Structures are given as structure tokens and as C-alpha cells.
Amino acid sequence: MKNKKKQAKNIIMALEKAYPDAICSLDYGKPYELLISVRLAAQCTDARVNIVTQKLFGKYPTLESFAFAAVADITEIVRPCGLGNSKARDIVAMCSRLMDEYAGVVPDTIEELLKLPGVGRKTANLIVGDVYKKPAVVCDTHCIRITNLMGLSDSKNPAIVEKQLREVLPPNKSNDFCHRLVLHGRAVCKARNPQCASCAAKEYCDYNKNLYSITKVDDHV
């Protein structure tokens, strides 16, 4: 039986060399702005979100201004991100809740963050990890897909994958690891055509090992 903790450690080291800067690709200056950006990023690219939030954060420079904003006005600005009306409703409700129940301070625990409108475990983990520098596992599509391929997880369910990764990732490395998976997924481990030959972690990846084994068999047929 393979040692998944050792495998995870080797993959982490390989990705650290390949992607030294493990940073969030969403632009923000304040914790609540990251909450808003992540909500907008659902079914939308981070690049587009960054364009939209430049205008959005310029028009609404404070948490209070968001809390008292008209949903229709927010909708018009965030429409390019898709699902404009529902995202706008969540943004206003989220900011109102932060003002009313948290004295304007974004919570630092997953449990409290999940009480906010529009916030799921992925968002909560990102806030806890990036803003408060606590151990976090952000299970987005890149994380789920790539860790499944590598053999660190074996589910499509984000909650299950998060649990599996928490069991094998060093807590102090987990948040940056997830950021690096995003970079790796965009550059090398692409969904439709993984570039295994260029993968810094191929030596420790179950998918690549299986692919290599199949290739060897084919070569001898």
C-alpha cells in the first residue's frame, strides 16, 4: 500500500519548484473584497472577475456601501460574470450580514463563514487560508481533478476530497498547494489534454505512471 503522505510531500516539493509564487489569482485589497470576488468567480474566469471588480470596488469602496447598495445596480456591473442577479443578491446580503452580525469583520473560521449568504466551503477555506493564514484546503475544479489524477483523492465530491487531502497534506503547506494546483492546471495539467511530459510532478503522479505502463505495453505488442 502506497504512502500517500510521502507522495503528497514529493508532489508539493515538485510544484514549489515549478511555481515559486503561490498566490491567489483574484485581485483584492480587503478581506470582504475577496469574499465578493470568489462569489463572482463561480462559472467565470478569474481574469474577467478582476476586470469587473476594478469597476465594482471603485464604485463601492466600503463594506457599508455594499450593504446599502441596490441589487439592481450591482447586477448591472457584475453581469459580465454571469448569473448577475443572484450574485448581486448574495453580495448585498453577505455585506449586510457582516455589518449587522460581525461588526464589519470577516469571520476567521469556516463554521462562521458558512453562515454568510453565497459562501460555501471552497470560499470559506480560501478566506481562512489567504486572509488569516490558517491551514486550508480549497477544493475547486482544478484541485479535485488533479488530485484525483495524481492519486491523492478519489472522489468528485468537494467535501470528501477536502477530507482526504487534509489527511495527507502538511497543514502548513495545504493552502499554497491548492494555489499551485490552479497554476498547474492552467499551464500543464489541462483538463482535456494533460501535458504529462512537461509535468514537474510526473514522477509521483498515478495517472502518469499508469499512462507510462500502458505505453510500454503498447510498444511491445
C-alpha atoms as a PDB file:
ATOM      1  CA  MET A   1       0.000   0.000   0.000  1.00  0.00           C
ATOM      2  CA  LYS A   2       1.467   3.343  -1.043  1.00  0.00           C
ATOM      3  CA  ASN A   3       2.326   6.059   1.452  1.00  0.00           C
ATOM      4  CA  LYS A   4       0.073   8.949   0.414  1.00  0.00           C
ATOM      5  CA  LYS A   5       1.658  11.382   2.867  1.00  0.00           C
ATOM      6  CA  LYS A   6       5.065  10.763   1.329  1.00  0.00           C
ATOM      7  CA  GLN A   7       3.591  11.014  -2.156  1.00  0.00           C
ATOM      8  CA  ALA A   8       1.917  14.308  -1.236  1.00  0.00           C
ATOM      9  CA  LYS A   9       5.158  15.664   0.200  1.00  0.00           C
ATOM     10  CA  ASN A  10       7.034  14.843  -3.006  1.00  0.00           C
ATOM     11  CA  ILE A  11       4.349  16.436  -5.173  1.00  0.00           C
ATOM     12  CA  ILE A  12       4.350  19.555  -3.006  1.00  0.00           C
ATOM     13  CA  MET A  13       8.126  19.922  -3.337  1.00  0.00           C
ATOM     14  CA  ALA A  14       7.954  19.440  -7.106  1.00  0.00           C
ATOM     15  CA  LEU A  15       5.238  22.057  -7.530  1.00  0.00           C
ATOM     16  CA  GLU A  16       7.026  24.501  -5.222  1.00  0.00           C
ATOM     17  CA  LYS A  17       9.994  24.431  -7.602  1.00  0.00           C
ATOM     18  CA  ALA A  18       7.781  24.794 -10.664  1.00  0.00           C
ATOM     19  CA  TYR A  19       5.592  27.564  -9.222  1.00  0.00           C
ATOM     20  CA  PRO A  20       7.518  29.529  -6.569  1.00  0.00           C
ATOM     21  CA  ASP A  21       4.788  32.153  -6.207  1.00  0.00           C
ATOM     22  CA  ALA A  22       1.666  30.552  -4.791  1.00  0.00           C
ATOM     23  CA  ILE A  23      -0.753  33.463  -4.772  1.00  0.00           C
ATOM     24  CA  CYS A  24      -4.465  33.880  -5.300  1.00  0.00           C
ATOM     25  CA  SER A  25      -5.239  34.990  -8.848  1.00  0.00           C
ATOM     26  CA  LEU A  26      -8.112  37.224  -7.708  1.00  0.00           C
ATOM     27  CA  ASP A  27      -7.316  40.889  -7.054  1.00  0.00           C
ATOM     28  CA  TYR A  28      -8.476  42.306  -3.731  1.00  0.00           C
ATOM     29  CA  GLY A  29      -7.347  44.698  -1.047  1.00  0.00           C
ATOM     30  CA  LYS A  30      -9.732  43.931   1.817  1.00  0.00           C
ATOM     31  CA  PRO A  31     -10.999  40.620   3.195  1.00  0.00           C
ATOM     32  CA  TYR A  32     -14.623  41.271   2.226  1.00  0.00           C
ATOM     33  CA  GLU A  33     -13.465  42.074  -1.317  1.00  0.00           C
ATOM     34  CA  LEU A  34     -12.053  38.563  -1.615  1.00  0.00           C
ATOM     35  CA  LEU A  35     -15.416  37.177  -0.491  1.00  0.00           C
ATOM     36  CA  ILE A  36     -17.116  39.165  -3.233  1.00  0.00           C
ATOM     37  CA  SER A  37     -14.562  38.188  -5.875  1.00  0.00           C
ATOM     38  CA  VAL A  38     -14.891  34.485  -5.120  1.00  0.00           C
ATOM     39  CA  ARG A  39     -18.672  34.719  -5.376  1.00  0.00           C
ATOM     40  CA  LEU A  40     -18.327  36.371  -8.776  1.00  0.00           C
ATOM     41  CA  ALA A  41     -15.819  33.726  -9.899  1.00  0.00           C
ATOM     42  CA  ALA A  42     -18.446  30.970  -9.876  1.00  0.00           C
ATOM     43  CA  GLN A  43     -18.702  29.814 -13.513  1.00  0.00           C
ATOM     44  CA  CYS A  44     -16.496  32.711 -14.563  1.00  0.00           C
ATOM     45  CA  THR A  45     -12.774  33.192 -15.146  1.00  0.00           C
ATOM     46  CA  ASP A  46     -10.644  34.964 -12.562  1.00  0.00           C
ATOM     47  CA  ALA A  47      -9.344  37.267 -15.300  1.00  0.00           C
ATOM     48  CA  ARG A  48     -12.851  38.507 -16.088  1.00  0.00           C
ATOM     49  CA  VAL A  49     -13.680  38.874 -12.404  1.00  0.00           C
ATOM     50  CA  ASN A  50     -10.622  41.079 -11.907  1.00  0.00           C
ATOM     51  CA  ILE A  51     -11.795  43.370 -14.700  1.00  0.00           C
ATOM     52  CA  VAL A  52     -15.301  43.617 -13.236  1.00  0.00           C
ATOM     53  CA  THR A  53     -14.195  44.145  -9.631  1.00  0.00           C
ATOM     54  CA  GLN A  54     -11.937  47.021 -10.641  1.00  0.00           C
ATOM     55  CA  LYS A  55     -15.088  48.959 -11.510  1.00  0.00           C
ATOM     56  CA  LEU A  56     -17.180  47.432  -8.727  1.00  0.00           C
ATOM     57  CA  PHE A  57     -14.754  48.218  -5.905  1.00  0.00           C
ATOM     58  CA  GLY A  58     -14.251  51.695  -7.320  1.00  0.00           C
ATOM     59  CA  LYS A  59     -17.958  52.479  -7.139  1.00  0.00           C
ATOM     60  CA  TYR A  60     -18.453  50.754  -3.764  1.00  0.00           C
ATOM     61  CA  PRO A  61     -15.273  51.451  -1.757  1.00  0.00           C
ATOM     62  CA  THR A  62     -16.545  50.309   1.652  1.00  0.00           C
ATOM     63  CA  LEU A  63     -18.365  47.359   3.160  1.00  0.00           C
ATOM     64  CA  GLU A  64     -21.154  49.721   4.210  1.00  0.00           C
ATOM     65  CA  SER A  65     -21.634  50.964   0.654  1.00  0.00           C
ATOM     66  CA  PHE A  66     -22.170  47.363  -0.491  1.00  0.00           C
ATOM     67  CA  ALA A  67     -24.545  46.638   2.377  1.00  0.00           C
ATOM     68  CA  PHE A  68     -26.815  49.519   1.377  1.00  0.00           C
ATOM     69  CA  ALA A  69     -26.432  49.154  -2.390  1.00  0.00           C
ATOM     70  CA  ALA A  70     -29.354  48.429  -4.679  1.00  0.00           C
ATOM     71  CA  VAL A  71     -29.207  44.881  -6.023  1.00  0.00           C
ATOM     72  CA  ALA A  72     -30.135  46.128  -9.485  1.00  0.00           C
ATOM     73  CA  ASP A  73     -27.152  48.486  -9.554  1.00  0.00           C
ATOM     74  CA  ILE A  74     -24.750  45.721  -8.532  1.00  0.00           C
ATOM     75  CA  THR A  75     -26.322  43.413 -11.114  1.00  0.00           C
ATOM     76  CA  GLU A  76     -25.560  45.809 -13.951  1.00  0.00           C
ATOM     77  CA  ILE A  77     -21.868  45.901 -13.054  1.00  0.00           C
ATOM     78  CA  VAL A  78     -21.380  42.180 -12.418  1.00  0.00           C
ATOM     79  CA  ARG A  79     -23.476  40.963 -15.363  1.00  0.00           C
ATOM     80  CA  PRO A  80     -20.361  40.058 -17.428  1.00  0.00           C
ATOM     81  CA  CYS A  81     -19.538  37.424 -14.772  1.00  0.00           C
ATOM     82  CA  GLY A  82     -22.790  35.580 -15.445  1.00  0.00           C
ATOM     83  CA  LEU A  83     -25.690  34.919 -13.057  1.00  0.00           C
ATOM     84  CA  GLY A  84     -25.624  38.632 -12.328  1.00  0.00           C
ATOM     85  CA  ASN A  85     -28.833  38.940 -10.338  1.00  0.00           C
ATOM     86  CA  SER A  86     -28.215  36.005  -7.984  1.00  0.00           C
ATOM     87  CA  LYS A  87     -24.601  37.032  -7.414  1.00  0.00           C
ATOM     88  CA  ALA A  88     -25.628  40.622  -6.748  1.00  0.00           C
ATOM     89  CA  ARG A  89     -28.261  39.490  -4.221  1.00  0.00           C
ATOM     90  CA  ASP A  90     -25.691  37.370  -2.405  1.00  0.00           C
ATOM     91  CA  ILE A  91     -23.141  40.207  -2.342  1.00  0.00           C
ATOM     92  CA  VAL A  92     -25.570  42.695  -0.801  1.00  0.00           C
ATOM     93  CA  ALA A  93     -26.923  40.116   1.670  1.00  0.00           C
ATOM     94  CA  MET A  94     -23.411  38.983   2.603  1.00  0.00           C
ATOM     95  CA  CYS A  95     -22.204  42.516   3.283  1.00  0.00           C
ATOM     96  CA  SER A  96     -25.361  43.354   5.240  1.00  0.00           C
ATOM     97  CA  ARG A  97     -24.826  40.272   7.422  1.00  0.00           C
ATOM     98  CA  LEU A  98     -21.196  41.237   8.021  1.00  0.00           C
ATOM     99  CA  MET A  99     -22.308  44.705   9.135  1.00  0.00           C
ATOM    100  CA  ASP A 100     -25.206  43.514  11.304  1.00  0.00           C
ATOM    101  CA  GLU A 101     -23.759  40.401  12.950  1.00  0.00           C
ATOM    102  CA  TYR A 102     -19.966  40.620  12.684  1.00  0.00           C
ATOM    103  CA  ALA A 103     -19.290  44.332  13.236  1.00  0.00           C
ATOM    104  CA  GLY A 104     -17.927  44.554   9.715  1.00  0.00           C
ATOM    105  CA  VAL A 105     -15.205  41.957  10.322  1.00  0.00           C
ATOM    106  CA  VAL A 106     -14.958  38.905   8.075  1.00  0.00           C
ATOM    107  CA  PRO A 107     -15.031  35.760  10.285  1.00  0.00           C
ATOM    108  CA  ASP A 108     -11.853  33.718  10.628  1.00  0.00           C
ATOM    109  CA  THR A 109     -13.425  30.258  10.905  1.00  0.00           C
ATOM    110  CA  ILE A 110     -15.023  28.057   8.286  1.00  0.00           C
ATOM    111  CA  GLU A 111     -18.031  27.469  10.525  1.00  0.00           C
ATOM    112  CA  GLU A 112     -18.869  31.177  10.782  1.00  0.00           C
ATOM    113  CA  LEU A 113     -18.067  31.933   7.163  1.00  0.00           C
ATOM    114  CA  LEU A 114     -20.524  29.265   6.029  1.00  0.00           C
ATOM    115  CA  LYS A 115     -23.305  31.259   7.690  1.00  0.00           C
ATOM    116  CA  LEU A 116     -22.836  34.064   5.162  1.00  0.00           C
ATOM    117  CA  PRO A 117     -25.059  34.163   2.036  1.00  0.00           C
ATOM    118  CA  GLY A 118     -23.362  32.712  -1.030  1.00  0.00           C
ATOM    119  CA  VAL A 119     -20.422  31.255   0.886  1.00  0.00           C
ATOM    120  CA  GLY A 120     -19.571  27.555   0.516  1.00  0.00           C
ATOM    121  CA  ARG A 121     -16.664  25.511   1.796  1.00  0.00           C
ATOM    122  CA  LYS A 122     -14.390  26.456  -1.121  1.00  0.00           C
ATOM    123  CA  THR A 123     -14.837  30.159  -0.394  1.00  0.00           C
ATOM    124  CA  ALA A 124     -14.573  29.680   3.363  1.00  0.00           C
ATOM    125  CA  ASN A 125     -11.311  27.756   3.016  1.00  0.00           C
ATOM    126  CA  LEU A 126      -9.866  30.416   0.726  1.00  0.00           C
ATOM    127  CA  ILE A 127     -10.645  33.184   3.221  1.00  0.00           C
ATOM    128  CA  VAL A 128      -9.289  31.216   6.167  1.00  0.00           C
ATOM    129  CA  GLY A 129      -6.107  30.362   4.279  1.00  0.00           C
ATOM    130  CA  ASP A 130      -5.359  33.574   2.380  1.00  0.00           C
ATOM    131  CA  VAL A 131      -6.627  36.191   4.803  1.00  0.00           C
ATOM    132  CA  TYR A 132      -5.977  34.543   8.153  1.00  0.00           C
ATOM    133  CA  LYS A 133      -3.090  32.244   7.155  1.00  0.00           C
ATOM    134  CA  LYS A 134      -4.675  29.189   8.750  1.00  0.00           C
ATOM    135  CA  PRO A 135      -4.471  25.666   7.264  1.00  0.00           C
ATOM    136  CA  ALA A 136      -6.980  25.392   4.449  1.00  0.00           C
ATOM    137  CA  VAL A 137      -7.856  23.135   1.528  1.00  0.00           C
ATOM    138  CA  VAL A 138      -9.567  24.932  -1.337  1.00  0.00           C
ATOM    139  CA  CYS A 139     -11.315  22.242  -3.372  1.00  0.00           C
ATOM    140  CA  ASP A 140     -12.032  23.914  -6.683  1.00  0.00           C
ATOM    141  CA  THR A 141     -12.283  22.093 -10.007  1.00  0.00           C
ATOM    142  CA  HIS A 142      -8.500  22.118 -10.526  1.00  0.00           C
ATOM    143  CA  CYS A 143      -7.838  20.680  -7.077  1.00  0.00           C
ATOM    144  CA  ILE A 144     -10.400  17.903  -7.418  1.00  0.00           C
ATOM    145  CA  ARG A 145      -9.417  16.903 -10.938  1.00  0.00           C
ATOM    146  CA  ILE A 146      -5.651  16.987 -10.455  1.00  0.00           C
ATOM    147  CA  THR A 147      -5.529  15.278  -7.053  1.00  0.00           C
ATOM    148  CA  ASN A 148      -7.784  12.562  -8.485  1.00  0.00           C
ATOM    149  CA  LEU A 149      -5.329  12.046 -11.339  1.00  0.00           C
ATOM    150  CA  MET A 150      -2.337  12.099  -9.017  1.00  0.00           C
ATOM    151  CA  GLY A 151      -3.921   9.594  -6.663  1.00  0.00           C
ATOM    152  CA  LEU A 152      -4.221  11.794  -3.582  1.00  0.00           C
ATOM    153  CA  SER A 153      -8.023  11.735  -3.712  1.00  0.00           C
ATOM    154  CA  ASP A 154     -10.639   9.533  -5.330  1.00  0.00           C
ATOM    155  CA  SER A 155     -13.898  11.453  -5.334  1.00  0.00           C
ATOM    156  CA  LYS A 156     -15.633  14.221  -7.285  1.00  0.00           C
ATOM    157  CA  ASN A 157     -17.350  15.430  -4.117  1.00  0.00           C
ATOM    158  CA  PRO A 158     -15.558  18.570  -2.808  1.00  0.00           C
ATOM    159  CA  ALA A 159     -16.265  17.781   0.843  1.00  0.00           C
ATOM    160  CA  ILE A 160     -14.859  14.258   0.522  1.00  0.00           C
ATOM    161  CA  VAL A 161     -11.794  15.457  -1.381  1.00  0.00           C
ATOM    162  CA  GLU A 162     -11.169  18.128   1.253  1.00  0.00           C
ATOM    163  CA  LYS A 163     -11.288  15.488   3.983  1.00  0.00           C
ATOM    164  CA  GLN A 164      -8.965  13.151   2.064  1.00  0.00           C
ATOM    165  CA  LEU A 165      -6.441  15.915   1.395  1.00  0.00           C
ATOM    166  CA  ARG A 166      -6.457  17.123   4.993  1.00  0.00           C
ATOM    167  CA  GLU A 167      -5.360  13.620   5.953  1.00  0.00           C
ATOM    168  CA  VAL A 168      -2.281  13.631   3.700  1.00  0.00           C
ATOM    169  CA  LEU A 169      -1.208  17.284   3.268  1.00  0.00           C
ATOM    170  CA  PRO A 170       1.010  19.044   5.834  1.00  0.00           C
ATOM    171  CA  PRO A 171      -1.291  21.753   7.295  1.00  0.00           C
ATOM    172  CA  ASN A 172       1.281  24.498   6.762  1.00  0.00           C
ATOM    173  CA  LYS A 173       1.559  23.599   3.070  1.00  0.00           C
ATOM    174  CA  SER A 174      -2.060  22.886   2.148  1.00  0.00           C
ATOM    175  CA  ASN A 175      -3.233  26.364   1.178  1.00  0.00           C
ATOM    176  CA  ASP A 176      -0.285  27.142  -1.096  1.00  0.00           C
ATOM    177  CA  PHE A 177      -0.544  23.644  -2.574  1.00  0.00           C
ATOM    178  CA  CYS A 178      -4.088  24.396  -3.720  1.00  0.00           C
ATOM    179  CA  HIS A 179      -2.996  27.674  -5.320  1.00  0.00           C
ATOM    180  CA  ARG A 180      -0.226  25.849  -7.159  1.00  0.00           C
ATOM    181  CA  LEU A 181      -2.712  23.287  -8.446  1.00  0.00           C
ATOM    182  CA  VAL A 182      -4.627  26.116 -10.123  1.00  0.00           C
ATOM    183  CA  LEU A 183      -1.443  27.325 -11.813  1.00  0.00           C
ATOM    184  CA  HIS A 184      -0.506  23.762 -12.741  1.00  0.00           C
ATOM    185  CA  GLY A 185      -3.968  23.053 -14.133  1.00  0.00           C
ATOM    186  CA  ARG A 186      -3.869  26.092 -16.374  1.00  0.00           C
ATOM    187  CA  ALA A 187      -0.307  25.621 -17.606  1.00  0.00           C
ATOM    188  CA  VAL A 188       0.311  21.856 -17.738  1.00  0.00           C
ATOM    189  CA  CYS A 189      -2.312  19.512 -16.306  1.00  0.00           C
ATOM    190  CA  LYS A 190      -5.097  20.707 -18.583  1.00  0.00           C
ATOM    191  CA  ALA A 191      -8.495  19.068 -18.362  1.00  0.00           C
ATOM    192  CA  ARG A 192      -8.759  17.980 -21.989  1.00  0.00           C
ATOM    193  CA  ASN A 193      -5.116  17.297 -22.696  1.00  0.00           C
ATOM    194  CA  PRO A 194      -2.734  16.861 -19.735  1.00  0.00           C
ATOM    195  CA  GLN A 195       0.848  17.657 -20.762  1.00  0.00           C
ATOM    196  CA  CYS A 196       2.379  14.857 -18.735  1.00  0.00           C
ATOM    197  CA  ALA A 197       5.799  15.098 -20.373  1.00  0.00           C
ATOM    198  CA  SER A 198       6.115  18.668 -19.049  1.00  0.00           C
ATOM    199  CA  CYS A 199       4.803  17.910 -15.558  1.00  0.00           C
ATOM    200  CA  ALA A 200       7.177  18.671 -12.706  1.00  0.00           C
ATOM    201  CA  ALA A 201       5.398  16.097 -10.523  1.00  0.00           C
ATOM    202  CA  LYS A 202       5.026  13.302 -13.090  1.00  0.00           C
ATOM    203  CA  GLU A 203       7.360  11.007 -11.135  1.00  0.00           C
ATOM    204  CA  TYR A 204       4.838  10.936  -8.283  1.00  0.00           C
ATOM    205  CA  CYS A 205       1.593  11.002 -10.293  1.00  0.00           C
ATOM    206  CA  ASP A 206      -0.533   7.839 -10.538  1.00  0.00           C
ATOM    207  CA  TYR A 207      -2.058   8.939 -13.851  1.00  0.00           C
ATOM    208  CA  ASN A 208       1.348   9.396 -15.471  1.00  0.00           C
ATOM    209  CA  LYS A 209       2.604   6.082 -14.092  1.00  0.00           C
ATOM    210  CA  ASN A 210      -0.430   4.258 -15.474  1.00  0.00           C
ATOM    211  CA  LEU A 211      -0.080   6.061 -18.794  1.00  0.00           C
ATOM    212  CA  TYR A 212       3.601   5.132 -18.979  1.00  0.00           C
ATOM    213  CA  SER A 213       2.805   1.483 -18.194  1.00  0.00           C
ATOM    214  CA  ILE A 214       0.184   1.352 -20.951  1.00  0.00           C
ATOM    215  CA  THR A 215       2.619   2.952 -23.419  1.00  0.00           C
ATOM    216  CA  LYS A 216       5.282   0.382 -22.603  1.00  0.00           C
ATOM    217  CA  VAL A 217       2.825  -2.472 -23.174  1.00  0.00           C
ATOM    218  CA  ASP A 218       1.725  -0.973 -26.492  1.00  0.00           C
ATOM    219  CA  ASP A 219       5.343  -0.614 -27.604  1.00  0.00           C
ATOM    220  CA  HIS A 220       5.871  -4.344 -27.114  1.00  0.00           C
ATOM    221  CA  VAL A 221       2.722  -5.503 -28.839  1.00  0.00           C
END
